[in-house]
C-alpha atoms as a PDB file:
ATOM      1  CA  MET A   1     128.204  38.199 -43.998  1.00  0.00           C
ATOM      2  CA  ALA A   2     125.325  40.689 -44.183  1.00  0.00           C
ATOM      3  CA  LYS A   3     126.010  43.635 -46.443  1.00  0.00           C
ATOM      4  CA  LEU A   4     126.360  47.007 -44.795  1.00  0.00           C
ATOM      5  CA  LEU A   5     126.971  49.150 -47.872  1.00  0.00           C
ATOM      6  CA  SER A   6     125.443  48.779 -51.326  1.00  0.00           C
ATOM      7  CA  VAL A   7     127.142  50.630 -54.161  1.00  0.00           C
ATOM      8  CA  ILE A   8     125.158  51.237 -57.333  1.00  0.00           C
ATOM      9  CA  VAL A   9     127.536  51.674 -60.276  1.00  0.00           C
ATOM     10  CA  PRO A  10     125.667  53.200 -63.255  1.00  0.00           C
ATOM     11  CA  SER A  11     127.579  52.097 -66.346  1.00  0.00           C
ATOM     12  CA  TYR A  12     127.075  53.067 -69.953  1.00  0.00           C
ATOM     13  CA  ASN A  13     129.903  52.235 -72.377  1.00  0.00           C
ATOM     14  CA  VAL A  14     132.576  52.616 -69.711  1.00  0.00           C
ATOM     15  CA  GLU A  15     134.918  49.832 -70.807  1.00  0.00           C
ATOM     16  CA  GLN A  16     137.846  52.286 -70.533  1.00  0.00           C
ATOM     17  CA  TYR A  17     137.079  53.146 -66.915  1.00  0.00           C
ATOM     18  CA  LEU A  18     135.146  50.355 -65.212  1.00  0.00           C
ATOM     19  CA  LYS A  19     138.231  48.367 -64.223  1.00  0.00           C
ATOM     20  CA  LYS A  20     139.578  51.311 -62.233  1.00  0.00           C
ATOM     21  CA  THR A  21     136.184  51.846 -60.593  1.00  0.00           C
ATOM     22  CA  VAL A  22     135.726  48.235 -59.510  1.00  0.00           C
ATOM     23  CA  GLU A  23     139.315  47.636 -58.461  1.00  0.00           C
ATOM     24  CA  SER A  24     139.279  50.724 -56.277  1.00  0.00           C
ATOM     25  CA  PHE A  25     136.610  48.910 -54.232  1.00  0.00           C
ATOM     26  CA  LEU A  26     138.389  45.556 -54.352  1.00  0.00           C
ATOM     27  CA  LYS A  27     141.225  47.166 -52.396  1.00  0.00           C
ATOM     28  CA  CYS A  28     138.866  47.689 -49.447  1.00  0.00           C
ATOM     29  CA  LYS A  29     139.629  45.623 -46.349  1.00  0.00           C
ATOM     30  CA  THR A  30     135.896  45.759 -45.602  1.00  0.00           C
ATOM     31  CA  LEU A  31     134.948  44.252 -48.986  1.00  0.00           C
ATOM     32  CA  SER A  32     132.963  41.447 -47.319  1.00  0.00           C
ATOM     33  CA  GLU A  33     130.516  44.102 -46.064  1.00  0.00           C
ATOM     34  CA  ILE A  34     130.212  45.831 -49.439  1.00  0.00           C
ATOM     35  CA  GLU A  35     127.947  44.994 -52.367  1.00  0.00           C
ATOM     36  CA  LEU A  36     128.855  46.346 -55.819  1.00  0.00           C
ATOM     37  CA  ILE A  37     125.801  46.531 -58.098  1.00  0.00           C
ATOM     38  CA  ILE A  38     127.078  47.230 -61.605  1.00  0.00           C
ATOM     39  CA  VAL A  39     124.142  48.330 -63.757  1.00  0.00           C
ATOM     40  CA  SER A  40     124.861  48.366 -67.483  1.00  0.00           C
ATOM     41  CA  ASP A  41     122.448  50.802 -69.090  1.00  0.00           C
ATOM     42  CA  GLY A  42     122.252  49.225 -72.549  1.00  0.00           C
ATOM     43  CA  SER A  43     126.016  49.356 -73.100  1.00  0.00           C
ATOM     44  CA  THR A  44     127.207  48.408 -76.585  1.00  0.00           C
ATOM     45  CA  ASP A  45     130.899  48.010 -75.742  1.00  0.00           C
ATOM     46  CA  LYS A  46     132.586  45.508 -73.386  1.00  0.00           C
ATOM     47  CA  THR A  47     131.130  46.964 -70.191  1.00  0.00           C
ATOM     48  CA  VAL A  48     128.985  43.901 -69.429  1.00  0.00           C
ATOM     49  CA  GLU A  49     131.788  41.491 -70.292  1.00  0.00           C
ATOM     50  CA  ILE A  50     134.143  43.260 -67.891  1.00  0.00           C
ATOM     51  CA  ALA A  51     131.478  43.396 -65.174  1.00  0.00           C
ATOM     52  CA  ASN A  52     130.698  39.697 -65.496  1.00  0.00           C
ATOM     53  CA  LYS A  53     134.381  38.774 -65.152  1.00  0.00           C
ATOM     54  CA  TYR A  54     134.452  40.552 -61.811  1.00  0.00           C
ATOM     55  CA  LYS A  55     131.221  38.829 -60.809  1.00  0.00           C
ATOM     56  CA  GLU A  56     132.760  35.433 -61.572  1.00  0.00           C
ATOM     57  CA  GLU A  57     135.848  36.260 -59.553  1.00  0.00           C
ATOM     58  CA  TYR A  58     134.041  37.966 -56.665  1.00  0.00           C
ATOM     59  CA  PRO A  59     130.557  36.398 -56.551  1.00  0.00           C
ATOM     60  CA  GLU A  60     129.942  37.501 -52.957  1.00  0.00           C
ATOM     61  CA  ALA A  61     130.740  41.127 -53.705  1.00  0.00           C
ATOM     62  CA  VAL A  62     129.627  41.866 -57.259  1.00  0.00           C
ATOM     63  CA  VAL A  63     126.122  41.905 -58.748  1.00  0.00           C
ATOM     64  CA  VAL A  64     125.593  42.637 -62.453  1.00  0.00           C
ATOM     65  CA  ILE A  65     122.407  43.988 -64.007  1.00  0.00           C
ATOM     66  CA  ASP A  66     122.318  44.185 -67.811  1.00  0.00           C
ATOM     67  CA  LYS A  67     119.304  46.212 -68.922  1.00  0.00           C
ATOM     68  CA  GLU A  68     117.986  48.232 -71.822  1.00  0.00           C
ATOM     69  CA  ASN A  69     119.018  51.857 -71.987  1.00  0.00           C
ATOM     70  CA  GLY A  70     116.891  54.021 -69.721  1.00  0.00           C
ATOM     71  CA  GLY A  71     119.225  56.727 -68.510  1.00  0.00           C
ATOM     72  CA  HIS A  72     121.045  57.352 -65.251  1.00  0.00           C
ATOM     73  CA  GLY A  73     117.860  57.401 -63.193  1.00  0.00           C
ATOM     74  CA  SER A  74     116.887  53.950 -64.418  1.00  0.00           C
ATOM     75  CA  THR A  75     120.168  52.483 -63.177  1.00  0.00           C
ATOM     76  CA  ILE A  76     119.514  53.853 -59.690  1.00  0.00           C
ATOM     77  CA  ASN A  77     115.962  52.501 -59.762  1.00  0.00           C
ATOM     78  CA  SER A  78     117.187  49.063 -60.854  1.00  0.00           C
ATOM     79  CA  GLY A  79     119.970  48.974 -58.302  1.00  0.00           C
ATOM     80  CA  LEU A  80     117.728  50.066 -55.443  1.00  0.00           C
ATOM     81  CA  LYS A  81     115.351  47.175 -56.146  1.00  0.00           C
ATOM     82  CA  VAL A  82     118.028  44.559 -55.430  1.00  0.00           C
ATOM     83  CA  ALA A  83     120.244  46.388 -52.911  1.00  0.00           C
ATOM     84  CA  LYS A  84     120.878  44.391 -49.723  1.00  0.00           C
ATOM     85  CA  GLY A  85     123.038  46.863 -47.843  1.00  0.00           C
ATOM     86  CA  LYS A  86     121.758  48.874 -44.910  1.00  0.00           C
ATOM     87  CA  TYR A  87     123.211  51.982 -46.553  1.00  0.00           C
ATOM     88  CA  LEU A  88     123.566  52.932 -50.200  1.00  0.00           C
ATOM     89  CA  ILE A  89     125.777  55.131 -52.361  1.00  0.00           C
ATOM     90  CA  VAL A  90     126.046  55.749 -56.108  1.00  0.00           C
ATOM     91  CA  VAL A  91     129.442  55.773 -57.841  1.00  0.00           C
ATOM     92  CA  ASP A  92     129.416  56.265 -61.600  1.00  0.00           C
ATOM     93  CA  GLY A  93     131.260  53.726 -63.713  1.00  0.00           C
ATOM     94  CA  ASP A  94     133.847  56.250 -64.881  1.00  0.00           C
ATOM     95  CA  ASP A  95     134.698  57.504 -61.380  1.00  0.00           C
ATOM     96  CA  TRP A  96     136.560  55.794 -58.541  1.00  0.00           C
ATOM     97  CA  ILE A  97     136.963  55.802 -54.760  1.00  0.00           C
ATOM     98  CA  ASP A  98     139.630  55.874 -52.073  1.00  0.00           C
ATOM     99  CA  ALA A  99     139.608  52.452 -50.428  1.00  0.00           C
ATOM    100  CA  ASN A 100     141.083  53.618 -47.122  1.00  0.00           C
ATOM    101  CA  ALA A 101     138.359  56.245 -46.739  1.00  0.00           C
ATOM    102  CA  ILE A 102     135.633  53.705 -47.553  1.00  0.00           C
ATOM    103  CA  ASP A 103     137.053  51.325 -44.931  1.00  0.00           C
ATOM    104  CA  LEU A 104     136.875  54.039 -42.280  1.00  0.00           C
ATOM    105  CA  ILE A 105     133.323  54.949 -43.322  1.00  0.00           C
ATOM    106  CA  VAL A 106     132.150  51.331 -43.236  1.00  0.00           C
ATOM    107  CA  LYS A 107     133.505  51.029 -39.701  1.00  0.00           C
ATOM    108  CA  GLN A 108     131.435  54.077 -38.740  1.00  0.00           C
ATOM    109  CA  LEU A 109     128.324  52.646 -40.409  1.00  0.00           C
ATOM    110  CA  ARG A 110     128.491  49.568 -38.207  1.00  0.00           C
ATOM    111  CA  ASN A 111     127.535  51.592 -35.164  1.00  0.00           C
ATOM    112  CA  VAL A 112     125.126  54.293 -36.344  1.00  0.00           C
ATOM    113  CA  GLU A 113     121.416  54.665 -37.005  1.00  0.00           C
ATOM    114  CA  VAL A 114     121.048  57.675 -39.280  1.00  0.00           C
ATOM    115  CA  ASP A 115     119.269  58.593 -42.502  1.00  0.00           C
ATOM    116  CA  VAL A 116     122.118  60.285 -44.383  1.00  0.00           C
ATOM    117  CA  VAL A 117     125.866  59.856 -44.053  1.00  0.00           C
ATOM    118  CA  ILE A 118     127.886  62.734 -45.511  1.00  0.00           C
ATOM    119  CA  SER A 119     131.473  62.653 -46.783  1.00  0.00           C
ATOM    120  CA  GLY A 120     133.592  64.895 -48.987  1.00  0.00           C
ATOM    121  CA  HIS A 121     134.863  64.264 -52.508  1.00  0.00           C
ATOM    122  CA  TYR A 122     137.638  65.046 -54.956  1.00  0.00           C
ATOM    123  CA  ARG A 123     137.189  66.685 -58.343  1.00  0.00           C
ATOM    124  CA  ASN A 124     139.712  65.236 -60.756  1.00  0.00           C
ATOM    125  CA  TYR A 125     140.231  67.442 -63.813  1.00  0.00           C
ATOM    126  CA  MET A 126     141.663  64.963 -66.267  1.00  0.00           C
ATOM    127  CA  ASP A 127     142.580  67.460 -68.985  1.00  0.00           C
ATOM    128  CA  GLU A 128     144.741  69.474 -66.578  1.00  0.00           C
ATOM    129  CA  GLY A 129     145.815  66.555 -64.399  1.00  0.00           C
ATOM    130  CA  THR A 130     144.749  68.394 -61.255  1.00  0.00           C
ATOM    131  CA  GLU A 131     142.702  67.466 -58.208  1.00  0.00           C
ATOM    132  CA  GLU A 132     140.478  69.651 -56.027  1.00  0.00           C
ATOM    133  CA  HIS A 133     139.222  68.549 -52.617  1.00  0.00           C
ATOM    134  CA  ARG A 134     135.774  69.528 -51.397  1.00  0.00           C
ATOM    135  CA  GLY A 135     134.952  68.504 -47.863  1.00  0.00           C
ATOM    136  CA  TYR A 136     133.295  69.590 -44.642  1.00  0.00           C
ATOM    137  CA  ASP A 137     134.853  71.093 -41.548  1.00  0.00           C
ATOM    138  CA  GLU A 138     132.640  69.084 -39.249  1.00  0.00           C
ATOM    139  CA  ALA A 139     133.240  66.953 -36.183  1.00  0.00           C
ATOM    140  CA  THR A 140     132.509  63.263 -36.602  1.00  0.00           C
ATOM    141  CA  GLY A 141     130.425  61.079 -34.356  1.00  0.00           C
ATOM    142  CA  GLU A 142     127.668  63.578 -33.573  1.00  0.00           C
ATOM    143  CA  VAL A 143     124.256  63.069 -35.150  1.00  0.00           C
ATOM    144  CA  ARG A 144     122.971  66.276 -36.746  1.00  0.00           C
ATOM    145  CA  THR A 145     119.485  67.413 -37.749  1.00  0.00           C
ATOM    146  CA  LEU A 146     118.226  68.910 -40.993  1.00  0.00           C
ATOM    147  CA  LYS A 147     117.935  72.251 -39.183  1.00  0.00           C
ATOM    148  CA  TYR A 148     121.685  72.076 -38.613  1.00  0.00           C
ATOM    149  CA  LEU A 149     122.322  71.574 -42.351  1.00  0.00           C
ATOM    150  CA  LEU A 150     120.085  74.516 -43.154  1.00  0.00           C
ATOM    151  CA  ASP A 151     121.853  76.752 -40.655  1.00  0.00           C
ATOM    152  CA  LYS A 152     125.182  75.839 -42.240  1.00  0.00           C
ATOM    153  CA  GLY A 153     123.841  76.423 -45.757  1.00  0.00           C
ATOM    154  CA  TYR A 154     124.712  72.920 -46.931  1.00  0.00           C
ATOM    155  CA  GLN A 155     123.291  71.361 -50.095  1.00  0.00           C
ATOM    156  CA  ILE A 156     124.734  67.870 -50.287  1.00  0.00           C
ATOM    157  CA  PRO A 157     125.696  66.570 -53.765  1.00  0.00           C
ATOM    158  CA  MET A 158     125.416  62.967 -54.918  1.00  0.00           C
ATOM    159  CA  THR A 159     129.169  62.430 -54.576  1.00  0.00           C
ATOM    160  CA  ASP A 160     128.913  63.097 -50.842  1.00  0.00           C
ATOM    161  CA  THR A 161     125.684  61.239 -50.142  1.00  0.00           C
ATOM    162  CA  CYS A 162     125.083  57.880 -48.477  1.00  0.00           C
ATOM    163  CA  TYR A 163     121.440  57.059 -47.696  1.00  0.00           C
ATOM    164  CA  ARG A 164     119.809  54.547 -45.420  1.00  0.00           C
ATOM    165  CA  THR A 165     118.452  52.131 -48.014  1.00  0.00           C
ATOM    166  CA  GLU A 166     115.180  51.388 -46.267  1.00  0.00           C
ATOM    167  CA  MET A 167     114.378  55.106 -46.051  1.00  0.00           C
ATOM    168  CA  LEU A 168     114.552  55.338 -49.849  1.00  0.00           C
ATOM    169  CA  ARG A 169     112.102  52.462 -50.118  1.00  0.00           C
ATOM    170  CA  GLU A 170     109.795  53.938 -47.500  1.00  0.00           C
ATOM    171  CA  ILE A 171     109.371  57.119 -49.552  1.00  0.00           C
ATOM    172  CA  GLY A 172     109.007  55.107 -52.768  1.00  0.00           C
ATOM    173  CA  LEU A 173     111.954  56.826 -54.443  1.00  0.00           C
ATOM    174  CA  GLN A 174     111.614  56.586 -58.211  1.00  0.00           C
ATOM    175  CA  ILE A 175     114.002  58.662 -60.301  1.00  0.00           C
ATOM    176  CA  GLN A 176     112.938  59.879 -63.736  1.00  0.00           C
ATOM    177  CA  GLU A 177     114.235  57.736 -66.562  1.00  0.00           C
ATOM    178  CA  LYS A 178     115.655  58.775 -69.942  1.00  0.00           C
ATOM    179  CA  THR A 179     116.462  62.122 -68.346  1.00  0.00           C
ATOM    180  CA  PHE A 180     119.756  63.840 -67.557  1.00  0.00           C
ATOM    181  CA  TYR A 181     120.502  65.789 -64.343  1.00  0.00           C
ATOM    182  CA  VAL A 182     118.386  63.506 -62.175  1.00  0.00           C
ATOM    183  CA  ASP A 183     121.046  63.696 -59.475  1.00  0.00           C
ATOM    184  CA  GLU A 184     118.986  66.700 -58.348  1.00  0.00           C
ATOM    185  CA  GLU A 185     116.079  64.349 -57.672  1.00  0.00           C
ATOM    186  CA  PHE A 186     118.313  61.852 -55.860  1.00  0.00           C
ATOM    187  CA  CYS A 187     119.750  64.624 -53.686  1.00  0.00           C
ATOM    188  CA  THR A 188     116.431  66.325 -52.920  1.00  0.00           C
ATOM    189  CA  ILE A 189     113.481  63.938 -52.669  1.00  0.00           C
ATOM    190  CA  PRO A 190     114.825  61.846 -49.750  1.00  0.00           C
ATOM    191  CA  TYR A 191     114.921  64.987 -47.600  1.00  0.00           C
ATOM    192  CA  LEU A 192     111.172  64.669 -47.306  1.00  0.00           C
ATOM    193  CA  LYS A 193     111.965  62.124 -44.594  1.00  0.00           C
ATOM    194  CA  ALA A 194     115.638  62.453 -43.680  1.00  0.00           C
ATOM    195  CA  ASN A 195     116.391  64.120 -40.352  1.00  0.00           C
ATOM    196  CA  ARG A 196     119.367  62.273 -38.858  1.00  0.00           C
ATOM    197  CA  PHE A 197     122.722  63.076 -40.418  1.00  0.00           C
ATOM    198  CA  LEU A 198     126.297  62.028 -39.758  1.00  0.00           C
ATOM    199  CA  PHE A 199     129.458  63.653 -41.128  1.00  0.00           C
ATOM    200  CA  THR A 200     132.185  61.036 -41.535  1.00  0.00           C
ATOM    201  CA  GLY A 201     135.192  63.350 -41.714  1.00  0.00           C
ATOM    202  CA  GLN A 202     136.307  61.355 -44.760  1.00  0.00           C
ATOM    203  CA  SER A 203     136.419  61.977 -48.514  1.00  0.00           C
ATOM    204  CA  TYR A 204     136.153  58.897 -50.703  1.00  0.00           C
ATOM    205  CA  TYR A 205     134.673  59.857 -54.085  1.00  0.00           C
ATOM    206  CA  HIS A 206     136.893  60.810 -57.041  1.00  0.00           C
ATOM    207  CA  TYR A 207     134.743  62.622 -59.598  1.00  0.00           C
ATOM    208  CA  ARG A 208     136.186  62.581 -63.114  1.00  0.00           C
ATOM    209  CA  LEU A 209     135.833  65.903 -64.938  1.00  0.00           C
ATOM    210  CA  GLY A 210     137.247  67.396 -68.093  1.00  0.00           C
ATOM    211  CA  SER A 211     135.463  65.515 -70.865  1.00  0.00           C
ATOM    212  CA  ALA A 212     133.468  67.453 -73.450  1.00  0.00           C
ATOM    213  CA  THR A 213     131.029  64.541 -73.618  1.00  0.00           C
ATOM    214  CA  GLN A 214     129.936  64.933 -69.990  1.00  0.00           C
ATOM    215  CA  SER A 215     126.389  66.061 -69.363  1.00  0.00           C
ATOM    216  CA  VAL A 216     127.689  68.946 -67.229  1.00  0.00           C
ATOM    217  CA  SER A 217     129.612  70.538 -70.120  1.00  0.00           C
ATOM    218  CA  PRO A 218     128.052  73.883 -71.230  1.00  0.00           C
ATOM    219  CA  ASP A 219     127.251  72.652 -74.752  1.00  0.00           C
ATOM    220  CA  ASN A 220     125.448  69.598 -73.426  1.00  0.00           C
ATOM    221  CA  MET A 221     123.617  71.673 -70.829  1.00  0.00           C
ATOM    222  CA  VAL A 222     122.236  73.788 -73.683  1.00  0.00           C
ATOM    223  CA  LYS A 223     121.421  70.737 -75.776  1.00  0.00           C
ATOM    224  CA  ARG A 224     119.586  69.132 -72.861  1.00  0.00           C
ATOM    225  CA  ALA A 225     117.952  72.194 -71.348  1.00  0.00           C
ATOM    226  CA  ASP A 226     114.591  70.444 -71.660  1.00  0.00           C
ATOM    227  CA  HIS A 227     115.882  67.655 -69.394  1.00  0.00           C
ATOM    228  CA  ARG A 228     116.562  70.165 -66.638  1.00  0.00           C
ATOM    229  CA  LEU A 229     113.020  71.468 -67.062  1.00  0.00           C
ATOM    230  CA  ARG A 230     111.717  67.912 -66.585  1.00  0.00           C
ATOM    231  CA  VAL A 231     113.618  67.723 -63.301  1.00  0.00           C
ATOM    232  CA  PHE A 232     112.302  71.128 -62.285  1.00  0.00           C
ATOM    233  CA  ASN A 233     108.724  70.100 -63.100  1.00  0.00           C
ATOM    234  CA  LYS A 234     108.959  66.906 -61.058  1.00  0.00           C
ATOM    235  CA  LEU A 235     110.452  68.622 -58.020  1.00  0.00           C
ATOM    236  CA  PHE A 236     107.964  71.466 -58.324  1.00  0.00           C
ATOM    237  CA  ASP A 237     105.062  68.995 -58.398  1.00  0.00           C
ATOM    238  CA  ILE A 238     106.391  67.364 -55.222  1.00  0.00           C
ATOM    239  CA  LEU A 239     106.753  70.777 -53.583  1.00  0.00           C
ATOM    240  CA  ASN A 240     103.066  71.397 -54.240  1.00  0.00           C
ATOM    241  CA  THR A 241     101.760  67.991 -53.207  1.00  0.00           C
ATOM    242  CA  ALA A 242     103.982  66.400 -50.565  1.00  0.00           C
ATOM    243  CA  LYS A 243     103.683  66.782 -46.817  1.00  0.00           C
ATOM    244  CA  PHE A 244     106.566  68.821 -45.415  1.00  0.00           C
ATOM    245  CA  ASN A 245     107.678  70.070 -42.064  1.00  0.00           C
ATOM    246  CA  VAL A 246     109.218  73.537 -41.885  1.00  0.00           C
ATOM    247  CA  ASN A 247     112.794  72.331 -42.334  1.00  0.00           C
ATOM    248  CA  SER A 248     112.202  69.792 -45.090  1.00  0.00           C
ATOM    249  CA  ARG A 249     110.251  72.358 -47.113  1.00  0.00           C
ATOM    250  CA  GLU A 250     113.005  74.944 -46.722  1.00  0.00           C
ATOM    251  CA  TYR A 251     115.665  72.473 -47.862  1.00  0.00           C
ATOM    252  CA  PHE A 252     113.480  71.450 -50.795  1.00  0.00           C
ATOM    253  CA  VAL A 253     112.946  75.077 -51.847  1.00  0.00           C
ATOM    254  CA  ARG A 254     116.672  75.795 -51.666  1.00  0.00           C
ATOM    255  CA  ARG A 255     117.475  72.824 -53.884  1.00  0.00           C
ATOM    256  CA  LEU A 256     114.755  73.793 -56.327  1.00  0.00           C
ATOM    257  CA  SER A 257     116.073  77.357 -56.372  1.00  0.00           C
ATOM    258  CA  ALA A 258     119.469  75.993 -57.406  1.00  0.00           C
ATOM    259  CA  VAL A 259     117.816  74.218 -60.353  1.00  0.00           C
ATOM    260  CA  VAL A 260     116.149  77.493 -61.333  1.00  0.00           C
ATOM    261  CA  ASN A 261     119.432  79.412 -61.107  1.00  0.00           C
ATOM    262  CA  THR A 262     121.187  76.885 -63.344  1.00  0.00           C
ATOM    263  CA  THR A 263     118.341  77.198 -65.848  1.00  0.00           C
ATOM    264  CA  TYR A 264     118.923  80.960 -65.983  1.00  0.00           C
ATOM    265  CA  LEU A 265     122.636  80.350 -66.512  1.00  0.00           C
ATOM    266  CA  ILE A 266     121.926  78.058 -69.448  1.00  0.00           C
ATOM    267  CA  TYR A 267     119.500  80.408 -71.147  1.00  0.00           C
ATOM    268  CA  TYR A 268     121.192  83.740 -70.536  1.00  0.00           C
ATOM    269  CA  VAL A 269     124.890  82.781 -70.697  1.00  0.00           C
ATOM    270  CA  TYR A 270     125.433  79.388 -72.304  1.00  0.00           C
ATOM    271  CA  TYR A 271     123.130  79.885 -75.316  1.00  0.00           C
ATOM    272  CA  SER A 272     125.313  81.006 -78.245  1.00  0.00           C
ATOM    273  CA  ASN A 273     122.323  82.836 -79.751  1.00  0.00           C
ATOM    274  CA  ARG A 274     122.007  85.474 -77.051  1.00  0.00           C
ATOM    275  CA  LYS A 275     118.683  86.867 -78.232  1.00  0.00           C
ATOM    276  CA  GLU A 276     117.097  83.422 -78.314  1.00  0.00           C
ATOM    277  CA  GLY A 277     118.521  82.622 -74.887  1.00  0.00           C
ATOM    278  CA  ARG A 278     117.237  85.909 -73.470  1.00  0.00           C
ATOM    279  CA  ILE A 279     113.731  85.210 -74.770  1.00  0.00           C
ATOM    280  CA  LEU A 280     113.786  81.708 -73.257  1.00  0.00           C
ATOM    281  CA  GLY A 281     115.079  83.029 -69.946  1.00  0.00           C
ATOM    282  CA  ASP A 282     112.490  85.808 -69.826  1.00  0.00           C
ATOM    283  CA  ASN A 283     109.679  83.382 -70.634  1.00  0.00           C
ATOM    284  CA  PHE A 284     110.877  80.989 -67.924  1.00  0.00           C
ATOM    285  CA  TYR A 285     110.900  83.849 -65.404  1.00  0.00           C
ATOM    286  CA  ILE A 286     107.374  84.931 -66.380  1.00  0.00           C
ATOM    287  CA  LYS A 287     106.154  81.362 -66.033  1.00  0.00           C
ATOM    288  CA  LEU A 288     107.868  80.989 -62.658  1.00  0.00           C
ATOM    289  CA  CYS A 289     106.258  84.182 -61.354  1.00  0.00           C
ATOM    290  CA  GLY A 290     102.875  82.700 -62.195  1.00  0.00           C
ATOM    291  CA  LEU A 291     103.680  79.330 -60.646  1.00  0.00           C
ATOM    292  CA  ASN A 292     105.419  80.311 -57.433  1.00  0.00           C
ATOM    293  CA  LYS A 293     106.216  83.887 -56.446  1.00  0.00           C
ATOM    294  CA  GLU A 294     108.471  82.719 -53.596  1.00  0.00           C
ATOM    295  CA  LEU A 295     110.793  80.868 -55.986  1.00  0.00           C
ATOM    296  CA  ALA A 296     110.783  83.780 -58.416  1.00  0.00           C
ATOM    297  CA  VAL A 297     111.809  86.206 -55.660  1.00  0.00           C
ATOM    298  CA  ARG A 298     114.468  83.921 -54.190  1.00  0.00           C
ATOM    299  CA  THR A 299     116.148  83.501 -57.563  1.00  0.00           C
ATOM    300  CA  SER A 300     115.665  87.052 -58.856  1.00  0.00           C
ATOM    301  CA  ARG A 301     119.177  88.257 -57.974  1.00  0.00           C
ATOM    302  CA  ILE A 302     120.860  85.492 -59.973  1.00  0.00           C
ATOM    303  CA  ARG A 303     118.386  85.965 -62.774  1.00  0.00           C
ATOM    304  CA  ASN A 304     119.152  89.680 -62.972  1.00  0.00           C
ATOM    305  CA  GLN A 305     122.897  89.008 -62.983  1.00  0.00           C
ATOM    306  CA  MET A 306     122.647  86.378 -65.715  1.00  0.00           C
ATOM    307  CA  ARG A 307     120.381  88.579 -67.815  1.00  0.00           C
ATOM    308  CA  LEU A 308     122.838  91.473 -67.546  1.00  0.00           C
ATOM    309  CA  LEU A 309     125.667  89.204 -68.723  1.00  0.00           C
ATOM    310  CA  ASN A 310     123.472  88.236 -71.664  1.00  0.00           C
ATOM    311  CA  ILE A 311     122.778  91.848 -72.629  1.00  0.00           C
ATOM    312  CA  LEU A 312     126.492  92.685 -72.349  1.00  0.00           C
ATOM    313  CA  HIS A 313     127.355  89.636 -74.478  1.00  0.00           C
ATOM    314  CA  ILE A 314     129.690  88.286 -71.811  1.00  0.00           C
ATOM    315  CA  SER A 315     131.214  84.996 -72.977  1.00  0.00           C
ATOM    316  CA  ARG A 316     131.237  81.742 -71.037  1.00  0.00           C
ATOM    317  CA  GLU A 317     134.851  82.463 -70.135  1.00  0.00           C
ATOM    318  CA  GLY A 318     133.832  85.922 -68.975  1.00  0.00           C
ATOM    319  CA  TYR A 319     131.174  84.356 -66.794  1.00  0.00           C
ATOM    320  CA  GLU A 320     133.807  82.184 -65.065  1.00  0.00           C
ATOM    321  CA  LEU A 321     135.782  85.339 -64.290  1.00  0.00           C
ATOM    322  CA  PHE A 322     132.589  87.059 -63.104  1.00  0.00           C
ATOM    323  CA  LYS A 323     131.964  84.192 -60.675  1.00  0.00           C
ATOM    324  CA  LYS A 324     135.361  84.688 -59.069  1.00  0.00           C
ATOM    325  CA  ILE A 325     134.777  88.431 -58.711  1.00  0.00           C
ATOM    326  CA  ILE A 326     131.390  88.155 -56.974  1.00  0.00           C
ATOM    327  CA  ARG A 327     132.439  85.392 -54.552  1.00  0.00           C
END
């Protein structure tokens, strides 16, 4: 049977988690229409061994790529090259999905012609043993435009994103390799072309949080601040060179503004050496003003807030409280 949904599973030393990831898909009644592409990114544990066992048992459903380490972006690039499904999602090898929700989504995919299919997700905080649902209060079945997403203020994360595979190939999507935080590229660049969207009314992705080793932890965000700048530089170059319509440019600028705001957060709040962080944040702002005044203005309110927190020596914990107050 032709594959309707390709699932790229980036996997780096996930022997503790990969079984749960794969078996959550094996529960799907629509498994014959799903292709699991497990991409081992230079794993040194038993990740490949586990993946190959599933490939042997489910040869029609599981594809295994064992490659040298190149970072999260390289696994998406490798998976996209071989993907056979009409649509494509990315599920990290330490996360998992809800099979019933995937079944319902696959049934919807059989009868639609859209560029992006949007679902909700769950944030699973493993340290606390709690789960938080993040979804969309949207009717299903109606095709939406990018203008609609802009009017609603949506910025769709990777956990919620399903792309038409051929669209990604048409734009020549190539994610930066050996770089963290490239989900921003995956969630932004395709909007150069995307203009037909469908909300599924389902939530399938379970996003594992709570580990200090995750790239989204504050310490790692500081350690890898230069990686975020690489992502900013790539997106900024595209902003200056690509052909946009009014809506695609606006969406692109909003996503890029979010990258800028996170950069201010890292420099002004997450840096333990507040003076050093303030200097880095100020220099980034000065550079941004020279590069693109529009971006500098759009992000100035967040920058001013973060800089004030820095001057007042507000801790990371204090920042979390501050967020709740200003919401």
